[in-house]
C-alpha atoms as a PDB file:
ATOM      1  CA  MET A   1     -50.773 208.070  12.109  1.00  0.00           C
ATOM      2  CA  ALA A   2     -49.696 211.072  14.166  1.00  0.00           C
ATOM      3  CA  LEU A   3     -51.533 212.024  17.307  1.00  0.00           C
ATOM      4  CA  GLU A   4     -52.783 215.595  17.132  1.00  0.00           C
ATOM      5  CA  THR A   5     -53.123 217.410  20.426  1.00  0.00           C
ATOM      6  CA  ASN A   6     -54.240 220.854  21.409  1.00  0.00           C
ATOM      7  CA  LEU A   7     -53.062 221.433  24.959  1.00  0.00           C
ATOM      8  CA  LYS A   8     -53.230 225.232  24.938  1.00  0.00           C
ATOM      9  CA  GLY A   9     -55.132 226.286  28.043  1.00  0.00           C
ATOM     10  CA  ARG A  10     -55.309 222.748  29.451  1.00  0.00           C
ATOM     11  CA  SER A  11     -53.698 222.066  32.847  1.00  0.00           C
ATOM     12  CA  ALA A  12     -51.373 219.296  33.982  1.00  0.00           C
ATOM     13  CA  VAL A  13     -49.721 218.363  37.259  1.00  0.00           C
ATOM     14  CA  ILE A  14     -46.292 216.851  36.655  1.00  0.00           C
ATOM     15  CA  THR A  15     -44.814 214.773  39.446  1.00  0.00           C
ATOM     16  CA  GLY A  16     -41.093 214.118  39.613  1.00  0.00           C
ATOM     17  CA  ALA A  17     -40.558 217.147  37.385  1.00  0.00           C
ATOM     18  CA  SER A  18     -36.956 217.803  38.398  1.00  0.00           C
ATOM     19  CA  GLU A  19     -35.456 214.948  36.367  1.00  0.00           C
ATOM     20  CA  GLY A  20     -36.020 212.085  33.963  1.00  0.00           C
ATOM     21  CA  ILE A  21     -39.436 211.430  32.472  1.00  0.00           C
ATOM     22  CA  GLY A  22     -41.077 214.128  34.614  1.00  0.00           C
ATOM     23  CA  ARG A  23     -38.653 216.766  33.335  1.00  0.00           C
ATOM     24  CA  ALA A  24     -39.118 215.655  29.720  1.00  0.00           C
ATOM     25  CA  THR A  25     -42.891 215.722  30.179  1.00  0.00           C
ATOM     26  CA  ALA A  26     -42.718 219.255  31.565  1.00  0.00           C
ATOM     27  CA  TRP A  27     -40.811 220.426  28.494  1.00  0.00           C
ATOM     28  CA  LEU A  28     -43.197 218.681  26.110  1.00  0.00           C
ATOM     29  CA  LEU A  29     -46.383 219.977  27.713  1.00  0.00           C
ATOM     30  CA  ALA A  30     -45.009 223.500  28.121  1.00  0.00           C
ATOM     31  CA  ALA A  31     -44.026 223.551  24.449  1.00  0.00           C
ATOM     32  CA  GLU A  32     -47.598 222.544  23.570  1.00  0.00           C
ATOM     33  CA  GLY A  33     -48.989 225.492  25.568  1.00  0.00           C
ATOM     34  CA  ALA A  34     -50.343 223.648  28.596  1.00  0.00           C
ATOM     35  CA  ASN A  35     -50.558 225.244  32.032  1.00  0.00           C
ATOM     36  CA  ILE A  36     -48.234 223.165  34.170  1.00  0.00           C
ATOM     37  CA  PHE A  37     -47.801 222.595  37.878  1.00  0.00           C
ATOM     38  CA  LEU A  38     -44.378 221.191  38.742  1.00  0.00           C
ATOM     39  CA  THR A  39     -43.849 218.930  41.730  1.00  0.00           C
ATOM     40  CA  ALA A  40     -40.569 217.390  42.836  1.00  0.00           C
ATOM     41  CA  ARG A  41     -38.815 216.564  46.081  1.00  0.00           C
ATOM     42  CA  ASN A  42     -35.746 218.619  45.162  1.00  0.00           C
ATOM     43  CA  ALA A  43     -36.823 222.271  45.433  1.00  0.00           C
ATOM     44  CA  GLU A  44     -33.639 223.629  43.847  1.00  0.00           C
ATOM     45  CA  ARG A  45     -33.954 221.502  40.703  1.00  0.00           C
ATOM     46  CA  ARG A  46     -37.691 222.256  40.529  1.00  0.00           C
ATOM     47  CA  ALA A  47     -36.966 226.000  40.639  1.00  0.00           C
ATOM     48  CA  ALA A  48     -34.171 225.608  38.080  1.00  0.00           C
ATOM     49  CA  LEU A  49     -36.566 223.869  35.687  1.00  0.00           C
ATOM     50  CA  LYS A  50     -39.072 226.690  36.053  1.00  0.00           C
ATOM     51  CA  ALA A  51     -36.300 229.207  35.343  1.00  0.00           C
ATOM     52  CA  GLU A  52     -35.382 227.277  32.170  1.00  0.00           C
ATOM     53  CA  LEU A  53     -38.967 226.829  30.965  1.00  0.00           C
ATOM     54  CA  GLU A  54     -40.091 230.442  31.349  1.00  0.00           C
ATOM     55  CA  PRO A  55     -37.853 232.060  28.712  1.00  0.00           C
ATOM     56  CA  ALA A  56     -37.825 229.034  26.412  1.00  0.00           C
ATOM     57  CA  THR A  57     -41.603 228.585  26.245  1.00  0.00           C
ATOM     58  CA  GLY A  58     -42.999 231.989  27.186  1.00  0.00           C
ATOM     59  CA  ILE A  59     -45.011 230.447  30.026  1.00  0.00           C
ATOM     60  CA  THR A  60     -44.945 232.669  33.105  1.00  0.00           C
ATOM     61  CA  GLY A  61     -46.874 233.503  36.240  1.00  0.00           C
ATOM     62  CA  THR A  62     -49.950 231.456  36.973  1.00  0.00           C
ATOM     63  CA  ARG A  63     -49.459 229.255  33.898  1.00  0.00           C
ATOM     64  CA  LEU A  64     -46.274 227.794  35.380  1.00  0.00           C
ATOM     65  CA  GLU A  65     -46.397 227.036  39.095  1.00  0.00           C
ATOM     66  CA  LEU A  66     -44.157 225.260  41.568  1.00  0.00           C
ATOM     67  CA  VAL A  67     -45.873 222.965  44.016  1.00  0.00           C
ATOM     68  CA  LYS A  68     -44.093 222.060  47.240  1.00  0.00           C
ATOM     69  CA  SER A  69     -44.001 218.311  47.684  1.00  0.00           C
END
């Protein structure tokens, strides 16, 4: 049985978003239309992920935020 989700308009804070499971989670939730807040210790990789997600998913502005950790 497949899990059906509707994440459009829902919000999620993703810790460790610059690599590994956190990065994969960011991609998955962004693709499902969630508003995401990215946190990671490495600011450069966090910003790079945001730059990749914006054009690929159409999420911009207040729907995709970087959070300094």
